[in-house]
Structures are given as structure tokens and as C-alpha cells.
N, C-alpha and C. Protein backbone atom coordinates (compact mmCIF):
# COMPACT_ATOMS: atom_id res chain seq x y z
N MET A 1 83.55 -46.65 227.31
CA MET A 1 83.55 -47.97 228.02
C MET A 1 83.58 -48.96 226.96
N ILE A 2 84.00 -50.02 227.17
CA ILE A 2 84.11 -51.24 226.41
C ILE A 2 83.28 -52.29 226.84
N SER A 3 82.49 -52.85 226.32
CA SER A 3 81.54 -54.07 226.85
C SER A 3 82.26 -55.27 226.59
N CYS A 4 82.47 -56.11 227.47
CA CYS A 4 83.07 -57.34 227.17
C CYS A 4 82.65 -58.56 228.32
N ASN A 5 83.05 -59.60 228.16
CA ASN A 5 82.83 -60.64 229.20
C ASN A 5 84.11 -60.63 230.07
N ILE A 6 84.16 -60.88 231.31
CA ILE A 6 85.19 -60.97 232.17
C ILE A 6 85.35 -62.26 232.84
N ASN A 7 86.34 -62.94 232.48
CA ASN A 7 86.77 -64.40 232.95
C ASN A 7 88.23 -64.42 233.21
N SER A 8 88.60 -65.54 233.93
CA SER A 8 90.05 -65.62 233.97
C SER A 8 90.36 -67.06 233.85
N THR A 9 91.59 -67.37 233.40
CA THR A 9 91.91 -68.78 233.06
C THR A 9 93.24 -69.08 233.71
N GLN A 10 93.66 -70.34 233.83
CA GLN A 10 95.08 -70.93 234.23
C GLN A 10 95.73 -71.55 233.27
N HIS A 11 96.93 -71.18 233.05
CA HIS A 11 97.66 -71.84 231.97
C HIS A 11 98.46 -72.98 232.51
N GLN A 12 98.20 -74.23 231.86
CA GLN A 12 98.82 -75.55 232.55
C GLN A 12 99.23 -76.21 231.49
N GLU A 13 100.08 -75.71 230.34
CA GLU A 13 100.39 -76.43 229.28
C GLU A 13 101.51 -77.43 229.56
N THR A 14 102.35 -77.17 230.54
CA THR A 14 103.30 -78.03 230.92
C THR A 14 102.75 -79.25 231.66
N ILE A 15 101.73 -79.14 232.42
CA ILE A 15 101.18 -80.34 233.27
C ILE A 15 100.32 -81.16 232.15
N ILE A 16 99.75 -80.45 231.09
CA ILE A 16 99.17 -81.39 229.99
C ILE A 16 100.04 -82.35 229.13
N LYS A 17 101.30 -81.50 228.99
CA LYS A 17 102.33 -82.21 228.17
C LYS A 17 102.95 -83.51 228.97
N ASN A 18 103.03 -83.19 230.29
CA ASN A 18 103.69 -84.25 231.22
C ASN A 18 102.63 -85.51 231.30
N GLN A 19 101.32 -85.12 231.36
CA GLN A 19 100.32 -86.11 231.37
C GLN A 19 100.31 -86.95 230.04
N GLN A 20 100.43 -86.25 229.02
CA GLN A 20 100.34 -86.90 227.63
C GLN A 20 101.56 -87.85 227.43
N VAL A 21 102.72 -87.48 227.86
CA VAL A 21 104.00 -88.23 227.67
C VAL A 21 103.75 -89.38 228.47
N ARG A 22 103.43 -89.40 229.91
CA ARG A 22 103.23 -90.49 230.71
C ARG A 22 102.16 -91.55 230.06
N GLY A 23 101.05 -91.02 229.66
CA GLY A 23 100.13 -91.74 228.88
C GLY A 23 100.70 -92.49 227.76
N TYR A 24 101.41 -91.81 226.88
CA TYR A 24 102.09 -92.58 225.73
C TYR A 24 102.98 -93.57 226.40
N ILE A 25 103.84 -93.37 227.30
CA ILE A 25 104.74 -94.26 227.79
C ILE A 25 104.10 -95.63 228.31
N PHE A 26 103.05 -95.31 229.12
CA PHE A 26 102.36 -96.39 229.82
C PHE A 26 101.69 -97.12 228.74
N PHE A 27 101.07 -96.54 227.86
CA PHE A 27 100.54 -97.33 226.53
C PHE A 27 101.39 -98.23 225.87
N ILE A 28 102.49 -97.68 225.45
CA ILE A 28 103.59 -98.44 224.79
C ILE A 28 104.14 -99.54 225.53
N LEU A 29 104.37 -99.24 226.80
CA LEU A 29 104.78 -100.34 227.67
C LEU A 29 103.70 -101.38 227.67
N PHE A 30 102.47 -101.24 227.83
CA PHE A 30 101.41 -102.10 227.94
C PHE A 30 101.45 -102.92 226.73
N LEU A 31 101.52 -102.31 225.53
CA LEU A 31 101.48 -103.11 224.35
C LEU A 31 102.61 -103.83 223.96
N ILE A 32 103.74 -103.41 224.54
CA ILE A 32 105.15 -104.35 224.42
C ILE A 32 105.11 -105.47 225.14
N THR A 33 104.38 -105.28 226.54
CA THR A 33 104.25 -106.39 227.33
C THR A 33 103.28 -107.41 226.87
N LEU A 34 102.19 -106.90 226.24
CA LEU A 34 101.30 -107.80 225.79
C LEU A 34 101.82 -108.57 224.56
N SER A 35 102.73 -108.09 223.84
CA SER A 35 103.15 -108.67 222.46
C SER A 35 104.26 -109.64 223.10
N PHE A 36 105.04 -109.43 224.04
CA PHE A 36 105.87 -110.47 224.64
C PHE A 36 105.16 -111.53 225.27
N ILE A 37 104.01 -111.41 225.80
CA ILE A 37 103.32 -112.45 226.52
C ILE A 37 102.72 -113.38 225.20
N SER A 38 102.24 -112.84 224.34
CA SER A 38 101.72 -113.63 223.08
C SER A 38 102.86 -114.22 222.47
N PHE A 39 104.04 -113.79 222.43
CA PHE A 39 105.43 -114.32 221.66
C PHE A 39 105.77 -115.46 222.53
N SER A 40 105.71 -115.42 223.81
CA SER A 40 106.40 -116.37 224.78
C SER A 40 105.63 -117.53 224.56
N ASP A 41 104.28 -117.51 224.25
CA ASP A 41 103.48 -118.83 224.10
C ASP A 41 103.81 -119.50 222.73
N TYR A 42 104.78 -119.01 221.94
CA TYR A 42 105.11 -119.45 220.74
C TYR A 42 104.09 -119.58 219.63
N GLU A 43 103.00 -118.59 219.84
CA GLU A 43 102.01 -118.61 218.83
C GLU A 43 102.29 -117.47 218.02
N LYS A 44 102.96 -117.66 217.04
CA LYS A 44 103.34 -116.57 216.02
C LYS A 44 102.01 -115.66 215.47
N PRO A 45 100.94 -116.43 215.19
CA PRO A 45 99.84 -115.57 214.77
C PRO A 45 99.20 -114.75 215.82
N ALA A 46 99.33 -115.10 217.04
CA ALA A 46 98.79 -114.17 218.02
C ALA A 46 99.63 -113.09 218.35
N PHE A 47 101.23 -113.26 217.98
CA PHE A 47 102.12 -112.22 218.31
C PHE A 47 101.83 -111.18 217.11
N PHE A 48 101.71 -111.58 215.86
CA PHE A 48 101.23 -110.73 214.94
C PHE A 48 99.99 -109.90 214.93
N VAL A 49 99.14 -110.54 215.48
CA VAL A 49 97.63 -110.03 215.64
C VAL A 49 97.87 -108.78 216.88
N THR A 50 98.77 -109.17 217.83
CA THR A 50 98.89 -108.30 218.68
C THR A 50 99.82 -107.01 218.37
N LEU A 51 100.85 -107.23 217.44
CA LEU A 51 101.49 -106.12 216.99
C LEU A 51 100.61 -105.13 215.96
N LEU A 52 99.80 -106.00 215.16
CA LEU A 52 98.74 -105.14 214.27
C LEU A 52 97.75 -104.32 215.25
N ILE A 53 97.28 -104.95 216.26
CA ILE A 53 96.38 -104.19 216.95
C ILE A 53 97.13 -103.13 217.75
N ALA A 54 98.41 -103.32 218.10
CA ALA A 54 99.21 -102.28 218.81
C ALA A 54 99.43 -101.07 217.78
N ALA A 55 99.64 -101.50 216.54
CA ALA A 55 99.95 -100.37 215.53
C ALA A 55 98.66 -99.46 215.38
N VAL A 56 97.58 -100.07 215.23
CA VAL A 56 96.36 -99.45 215.12
C VAL A 56 96.02 -98.55 216.18
N LEU A 57 96.21 -99.02 217.51
CA LEU A 57 95.94 -98.25 218.68
C LEU A 57 96.74 -97.26 218.83
N LEU A 58 97.98 -97.35 218.32
CA LEU A 58 99.10 -96.12 218.44
C LEU A 58 98.70 -95.14 217.44
N CYS A 59 97.95 -95.36 216.43
CA CYS A 59 97.52 -94.28 215.38
C CYS A 59 96.16 -93.78 216.08
N ILE A 60 95.45 -94.52 216.63
CA ILE A 60 94.21 -93.88 217.28
C ILE A 60 94.45 -93.18 218.52
N TYR A 61 95.39 -93.56 219.41
CA TYR A 61 95.50 -93.08 220.56
C TYR A 61 95.70 -91.50 220.75
N PRO A 62 96.33 -90.94 219.78
CA PRO A 62 96.51 -89.36 219.94
C PRO A 62 95.04 -88.78 219.63
N LEU A 63 94.15 -89.34 218.67
CA LEU A 63 92.83 -88.79 218.54
C LEU A 63 92.08 -88.84 219.91
N TYR A 64 92.33 -89.90 220.46
CA TYR A 64 91.49 -90.17 221.72
C TYR A 64 91.98 -89.12 222.67
N VAL A 65 93.29 -88.86 222.88
CA VAL A 65 93.71 -87.97 223.91
C VAL A 65 93.23 -86.50 223.51
N ARG A 66 93.26 -86.24 222.39
CA ARG A 66 92.80 -84.80 221.95
C ARG A 66 91.41 -84.62 222.25
N ARG A 67 90.66 -85.69 221.95
CA ARG A 67 89.06 -85.51 222.32
C ARG A 67 88.92 -85.50 223.70
N TYR A 68 89.72 -86.37 224.47
CA TYR A 68 89.53 -86.42 225.93
C TYR A 68 89.74 -85.12 226.71
N TYR A 69 90.93 -84.58 226.22
CA TYR A 69 91.18 -83.23 226.87
C TYR A 69 90.30 -82.14 226.41
N TYR A 70 89.80 -82.17 225.14
CA TYR A 70 88.78 -81.13 224.76
C TYR A 70 87.68 -81.28 225.50
N ASN A 71 86.94 -82.41 225.69
CA ASN A 71 85.92 -82.66 226.68
C ASN A 71 86.08 -82.19 228.00
N HIS A 72 87.34 -82.58 228.50
CA HIS A 72 87.65 -82.41 229.88
C HIS A 72 87.66 -80.80 230.14
N TYR A 73 88.22 -80.00 229.30
CA TYR A 73 88.28 -78.57 229.46
C TYR A 73 87.15 -77.90 229.26
N LYS A 74 86.19 -78.55 228.27
CA LYS A 74 85.03 -77.80 228.13
C LYS A 74 84.04 -78.03 229.38
N LYS A 75 84.12 -79.38 229.93
CA LYS A 75 83.28 -79.44 231.10
C LYS A 75 83.85 -78.62 232.37
N SER A 76 85.34 -78.59 232.29
CA SER A 76 85.52 -77.64 233.37
C SER A 76 85.40 -76.33 233.23
N ALA A 77 85.38 -75.76 232.03
CA ALA A 77 85.00 -74.26 231.90
C ALA A 77 83.44 -74.07 232.03
N ASN A 78 82.65 -75.09 231.67
CA ASN A 78 81.22 -74.91 232.02
C ASN A 78 80.87 -74.92 233.52
N GLU A 79 81.69 -75.83 234.28
CA GLU A 79 81.51 -75.81 235.74
C GLU A 79 82.01 -74.48 236.39
N ASN A 80 83.21 -74.00 236.10
CA ASN A 80 83.86 -73.07 236.63
C ASN A 80 83.28 -71.71 236.24
N PHE A 81 82.60 -71.55 235.16
CA PHE A 81 82.20 -70.15 234.64
C PHE A 81 80.71 -70.20 234.55
N LYS A 82 79.96 -71.16 235.02
CA LYS A 82 78.56 -71.14 234.69
C LYS A 82 77.84 -69.83 235.31
N ASN A 83 78.47 -69.47 236.40
CA ASN A 83 77.65 -68.22 236.68
C ASN A 83 78.15 -66.89 236.24
N LYS A 84 79.31 -67.01 235.61
CA LYS A 84 80.19 -65.78 235.06
C LYS A 84 79.88 -65.60 233.47
N ALA A 85 79.65 -66.74 232.71
CA ALA A 85 79.73 -66.60 231.34
C ALA A 85 78.45 -65.74 230.72
N GLU A 86 78.55 -65.19 229.71
CA GLU A 86 77.72 -64.41 229.13
C GLU A 86 77.09 -63.24 229.93
N LYS A 87 77.91 -62.87 230.83
CA LYS A 87 77.38 -61.61 231.79
C LYS A 87 78.22 -60.47 231.10
N GLU A 88 77.60 -59.41 230.89
CA GLU A 88 78.08 -58.09 230.33
C GLU A 88 78.82 -57.48 231.40
N GLY A 89 80.05 -57.05 231.00
CA GLY A 89 80.96 -56.22 232.15
C GLY A 89 81.38 -55.03 231.39
N ASN A 90 82.09 -54.18 232.07
CA ASN A 90 82.73 -52.99 231.70
C ASN A 90 84.18 -53.03 231.93
N VAL A 91 84.92 -52.28 230.98
CA VAL A 91 86.25 -52.05 231.24
C VAL A 91 86.74 -50.70 231.02
N SER A 92 87.68 -50.31 231.89
CA SER A 92 88.24 -48.83 231.79
C SER A 92 89.66 -48.93 232.03
N ILE A 93 90.34 -48.71 230.97
CA ILE A 93 91.84 -48.78 230.85
C ILE A 93 92.47 -47.39 231.05
N ASN A 94 93.15 -47.20 232.15
CA ASN A 94 93.65 -45.95 232.63
C ASN A 94 95.37 -46.28 232.46
N ASP A 95 96.07 -45.23 232.65
CA ASP A 95 97.55 -45.30 232.59
C ASP A 95 98.27 -46.20 233.61
N ASP A 96 97.50 -46.22 234.79
CA ASP A 96 98.19 -47.04 235.92
C ASP A 96 97.59 -48.37 236.10
N TYR A 97 96.29 -48.51 235.72
CA TYR A 97 95.61 -49.65 236.08
C TYR A 97 94.32 -49.96 235.06
N ILE A 98 93.75 -51.13 235.19
CA ILE A 98 92.65 -51.48 234.42
C ILE A 98 91.52 -51.88 235.37
N LEU A 99 90.50 -51.08 235.18
CA LEU A 99 89.10 -51.35 235.96
C LEU A 99 88.11 -52.24 235.36
N LEU A 100 87.82 -53.33 236.06
CA LEU A 100 86.82 -54.17 235.44
C LEU A 100 85.63 -54.20 236.41
N TRP A 101 84.36 -54.00 235.88
CA TRP A 101 83.16 -54.14 236.87
C TRP A 101 82.12 -54.67 236.16
N ASP A 102 81.16 -55.36 236.79
CA ASP A 102 79.95 -55.87 236.44
C ASP A 102 78.96 -55.86 237.46
N GLU A 103 77.94 -56.63 237.33
CA GLU A 103 76.86 -56.53 238.40
C GLU A 103 77.32 -57.15 239.79
N THR A 104 78.30 -57.89 239.69
CA THR A 104 78.78 -58.64 240.98
C THR A 104 79.95 -57.97 241.76
N GLY A 105 80.39 -56.94 241.11
CA GLY A 105 81.44 -56.10 241.72
C GLY A 105 82.53 -55.48 240.83
N GLU A 106 83.68 -55.04 241.40
CA GLU A 106 84.63 -54.54 240.44
C GLU A 106 86.15 -55.00 241.04
N THR A 107 86.91 -55.13 239.94
CA THR A 107 88.31 -55.53 240.25
C THR A 107 89.27 -54.48 239.55
N LYS A 108 90.39 -54.18 240.21
CA LYS A 108 91.30 -53.25 239.70
C LYS A 108 92.59 -54.02 239.51
N VAL A 109 93.23 -54.00 238.30
CA VAL A 109 94.49 -54.74 237.90
C VAL A 109 95.37 -53.63 237.63
N TYR A 110 96.46 -53.70 238.39
CA TYR A 110 97.59 -52.65 237.99
C TYR A 110 98.34 -53.06 236.74
N ASN A 111 98.62 -52.01 235.75
CA ASN A 111 99.33 -52.44 234.76
C ASN A 111 100.62 -53.11 234.85
N SER A 112 101.37 -52.72 235.97
CA SER A 112 102.74 -53.42 236.13
C SER A 112 102.42 -54.95 236.32
N ASN A 113 101.22 -55.46 236.60
CA ASN A 113 100.97 -56.97 236.74
C ASN A 113 100.72 -57.60 235.41
N LEU A 114 100.66 -56.78 234.39
CA LEU A 114 100.50 -57.32 233.05
C LEU A 114 101.63 -58.05 232.44
N GLU A 115 101.43 -59.13 231.66
CA GLU A 115 102.62 -60.04 231.32
C GLU A 115 102.60 -59.90 229.81
N GLY A 116 101.38 -60.16 229.11
CA GLY A 116 101.22 -60.18 227.56
C GLY A 116 100.01 -59.99 227.16
N ILE A 117 99.97 -60.03 225.96
CA ILE A 117 98.69 -59.99 225.08
C ILE A 117 98.65 -60.93 224.05
N ASN A 118 97.66 -61.99 224.00
CA ASN A 118 97.75 -62.97 223.09
C ASN A 118 96.38 -62.84 222.41
N GLU A 119 96.34 -62.91 221.02
CA GLU A 119 95.13 -62.70 220.40
C GLU A 119 95.00 -63.97 219.46
N VAL A 120 93.78 -64.71 219.46
CA VAL A 120 93.57 -65.65 218.44
C VAL A 120 92.22 -65.21 217.77
N ASN A 121 91.67 -66.10 216.77
CA ASN A 121 90.70 -65.63 215.93
C ASN A 121 89.47 -64.94 216.68
N ASP A 122 89.09 -65.50 217.64
CA ASP A 122 87.71 -64.97 218.40
C ASP A 122 87.94 -64.18 219.71
N TYR A 123 89.20 -64.34 220.18
CA TYR A 123 89.28 -63.82 221.56
C TYR A 123 90.66 -62.94 221.44
N LEU A 124 90.64 -62.01 222.60
CA LEU A 124 92.04 -61.41 222.93
C LEU A 124 92.19 -61.71 224.39
N TYR A 125 93.37 -62.13 224.72
CA TYR A 125 93.71 -62.53 226.11
C TYR A 125 94.70 -61.53 226.62
N LEU A 126 94.46 -61.03 227.74
CA LEU A 126 95.30 -60.08 228.61
C LEU A 126 95.84 -60.93 229.73
N LYS A 127 97.12 -61.29 229.48
CA LYS A 127 97.66 -62.25 230.51
C LYS A 127 98.25 -61.60 231.61
N LEU A 128 98.03 -61.99 232.85
CA LEU A 128 98.52 -61.40 234.04
C LEU A 128 99.87 -62.20 234.54
N LYS A 129 100.69 -61.62 235.32
CA LYS A 129 101.84 -62.34 235.87
C LYS A 129 101.48 -63.53 236.98
N THR A 130 100.12 -63.52 237.41
CA THR A 130 99.61 -64.48 238.33
C THR A 130 99.37 -65.76 237.38
N GLY A 131 99.27 -65.65 236.05
CA GLY A 131 98.97 -66.92 235.32
C GLY A 131 97.52 -66.70 234.77
N GLU A 132 96.70 -65.73 235.34
CA GLU A 132 95.33 -65.78 234.82
C GLU A 132 95.32 -64.73 233.63
N SER A 133 94.15 -64.71 232.94
CA SER A 133 94.09 -63.92 231.90
C SER A 133 92.52 -63.25 231.99
N ILE A 134 92.56 -61.99 231.41
CA ILE A 134 91.33 -61.28 231.19
C ILE A 134 90.82 -61.55 229.72
N ILE A 135 89.85 -62.11 229.56
CA ILE A 135 89.22 -62.55 228.27
C ILE A 135 88.36 -61.66 227.53
N PHE A 136 88.65 -61.10 226.33
CA PHE A 136 87.90 -60.36 225.51
C PHE A 136 87.47 -60.96 224.44
N PRO A 137 86.20 -61.56 224.27
CA PRO A 137 85.53 -61.96 223.08
C PRO A 137 85.37 -60.85 222.02
N LYS A 138 86.07 -61.02 220.89
CA LYS A 138 86.12 -59.85 219.81
C LYS A 138 84.57 -59.57 219.37
N ASN A 139 83.69 -60.64 219.22
CA ASN A 139 82.39 -60.23 218.62
C ASN A 139 81.54 -59.54 219.53
N LYS A 140 81.83 -59.50 220.87
CA LYS A 140 81.05 -58.82 221.82
C LYS A 140 81.60 -57.39 222.23
N ILE A 141 82.70 -57.12 221.80
CA ILE A 141 83.24 -55.63 222.14
C ILE A 141 82.67 -54.59 220.95
N GLU A 142 82.13 -53.53 221.63
CA GLU A 142 81.56 -52.52 220.57
C GLU A 142 82.63 -51.90 219.73
N ASN A 143 83.77 -51.53 220.38
CA ASN A 143 84.86 -50.82 219.69
C ASN A 143 86.22 -51.47 219.81
N PHE A 144 86.25 -52.63 218.99
CA PHE A 144 87.45 -53.41 219.13
C PHE A 144 88.77 -52.68 218.81
N ASP A 145 88.62 -51.86 217.65
CA ASP A 145 89.81 -51.11 217.33
C ASP A 145 90.28 -50.24 218.51
N ALA A 146 89.52 -49.49 219.23
CA ALA A 146 89.88 -48.70 220.39
C ALA A 146 90.57 -49.51 221.42
N LEU A 147 89.92 -50.72 221.73
CA LEU A 147 90.56 -51.54 222.69
C LEU A 147 91.98 -51.89 222.22
N GLN A 148 92.14 -52.41 221.06
CA GLN A 148 93.43 -52.81 220.32
C GLN A 148 94.43 -51.75 220.45
N GLU A 149 94.08 -50.45 220.11
CA GLU A 149 95.05 -49.47 220.06
C GLU A 149 95.45 -49.01 221.53
N ARG A 150 94.61 -49.06 222.55
CA ARG A 150 94.89 -49.04 223.96
C ARG A 150 95.76 -49.88 224.36
N LEU A 151 95.59 -51.17 224.17
CA LEU A 151 96.28 -52.35 224.66
C LEU A 151 97.70 -52.23 223.88
N ASN A 152 97.85 -51.88 222.77
CA ASN A 152 99.14 -51.65 221.94
C ASN A 152 99.97 -50.52 222.74
N ALA A 153 99.23 -49.55 223.15
CA ALA A 153 99.98 -48.46 223.79
C ALA A 153 100.59 -49.05 225.30
N LEU A 154 99.69 -49.68 225.88
CA LEU A 154 100.14 -50.47 227.21
C LEU A 154 101.44 -51.29 226.95
N ALA A 155 101.26 -52.17 225.75
CA ALA A 155 102.25 -53.11 225.53
C ALA A 155 103.67 -52.33 225.24
N GLU A 156 103.56 -51.31 224.46
CA GLU A 156 104.91 -50.49 224.32
C GLU A 156 105.42 -50.05 225.73
N LYS A 157 104.53 -49.36 226.47
CA LYS A 157 104.91 -48.89 227.76
C LYS A 157 105.47 -49.71 228.68
N TYR A 158 104.78 -50.90 228.80
CA TYR A 158 105.29 -51.92 229.78
C TYR A 158 106.00 -53.09 229.25
N ASN A 159 106.34 -52.98 228.02
CA ASN A 159 107.25 -54.03 227.33
C ASN A 159 106.53 -55.35 227.45
N LEU A 160 105.26 -55.35 227.12
CA LEU A 160 104.26 -56.59 227.25
C LEU A 160 104.76 -57.51 225.80
N ILE A 161 104.65 -58.67 226.24
CA ILE A 161 104.89 -59.70 225.02
C ILE A 161 103.57 -59.93 224.29
N GLN A 162 103.68 -59.58 222.92
CA GLN A 162 102.48 -59.79 222.18
C GLN A 162 102.49 -60.82 221.13
N THR A 163 101.57 -61.72 221.05
CA THR A 163 101.33 -62.79 220.23
C THR A 163 100.10 -62.83 219.65
N LYS A 164 100.23 -63.12 218.16
CA LYS A 164 98.97 -62.94 217.35
C LYS A 164 99.03 -64.31 216.62
N ASP A 165 97.96 -65.10 216.89
CA ASP A 165 97.75 -66.53 216.24
C ASP A 165 96.36 -66.51 215.80
N LEU A 166 96.03 -65.89 214.68
CA LEU A 166 94.53 -65.93 214.14
C LEU A 166 94.07 -67.11 213.51
N ASP A 167 95.16 -68.16 213.17
CA ASP A 167 94.83 -69.33 212.73
C ASP A 167 94.67 -70.48 213.72
N TRP A 168 94.65 -70.17 215.09
CA TRP A 168 94.68 -71.09 216.24
C TRP A 168 93.42 -71.82 216.12
N LYS A 169 93.65 -73.14 216.24
CA LYS A 169 92.50 -74.16 216.52
C LYS A 169 92.79 -75.14 217.66
N TRP A 170 91.89 -75.51 218.34
CA TRP A 170 92.05 -76.61 219.32
C TRP A 170 92.42 -77.89 218.80
N ARG A 171 93.65 -78.36 219.07
CA ARG A 171 94.37 -79.63 218.52
C ARG A 171 94.16 -80.82 219.49
């Protein structure tokens, strides 16, 4: 048996990118409008000050957005997984399915529903076709090499997409 935490995640990368693009566009349009208003009053110092402020804000805005989304997802994860986090569970990987169980119950995931395996520095994600993932924290697994060998065999058998990004950091 392999001891690990069992959680699920939703992949929403396209939604995040669309929100960021909309935010940038709105922000730029706001600054352009503000600069034209100050220019229309024929006050050149106000126009240049507005442009300077706009340039500074355009440099700071990406940092703000990054911090905003980091805090948003951290809060969301804490709320959604507060009753699941740090609970020890068990995993059994068979030829046809993966069985997950803990004190609250058990789940059977058929291997035909697997989509890919993603590995980052501290976690290994087993992605399902539904968009959810089973998260394996590397430091909590008793025999990580055995898990990795078994998942590699599944990847070959079911043609799963494997990605390894050991330098991944939240940006």
C-alpha cells in the first residue's frame, strides 16, 4: 500500500488567461482615457504626470495580478479542502483500476479514465479525463519509486501523456 493524501483539482488555465487579458485591456483603456482627459484640458504637466503614473502602474499591475490569483487560489483551496487536507489515505493500483480509500470511504477510478501524469517538484498529479487530478505529495509517500514505476507502466499501457517540470514555481 502507498500512503498519500487524496484530493482533486479543476484545471482552469484558459479561464484565468481570459480574465487576465480582460483585466489588462480594461486597465489600459482606463489609463488612455485618463491621459486624454488630462490632455484635453491643455495642461501638459498633468498629461505627462498621467503618462508617468500609467507607465508605473503598467509595470506594477502584473505583480498585483500574480499576488491576487495566488491568494485567491490559496483561499479557495483552504476552503474546499479543509476537511480533506492532511488526511492519510491508501492507494492500490491494479491492472484495470486505481482504488483510493481513507476513513471517509473509497473511490475506484478505472485506468481507461486516466489522461496524464504531471510531476512537479513536490507533487505528482494523476490527471483524469474529467479534469480532476489525484494528488500525491512526494514527501508523504513511503515508497515513491514503486509508485513511479507502477504509474510509468500504466502510462505505457494506456498511452498517457507524461510531463515532468521539477523547476515549476507559482508565477
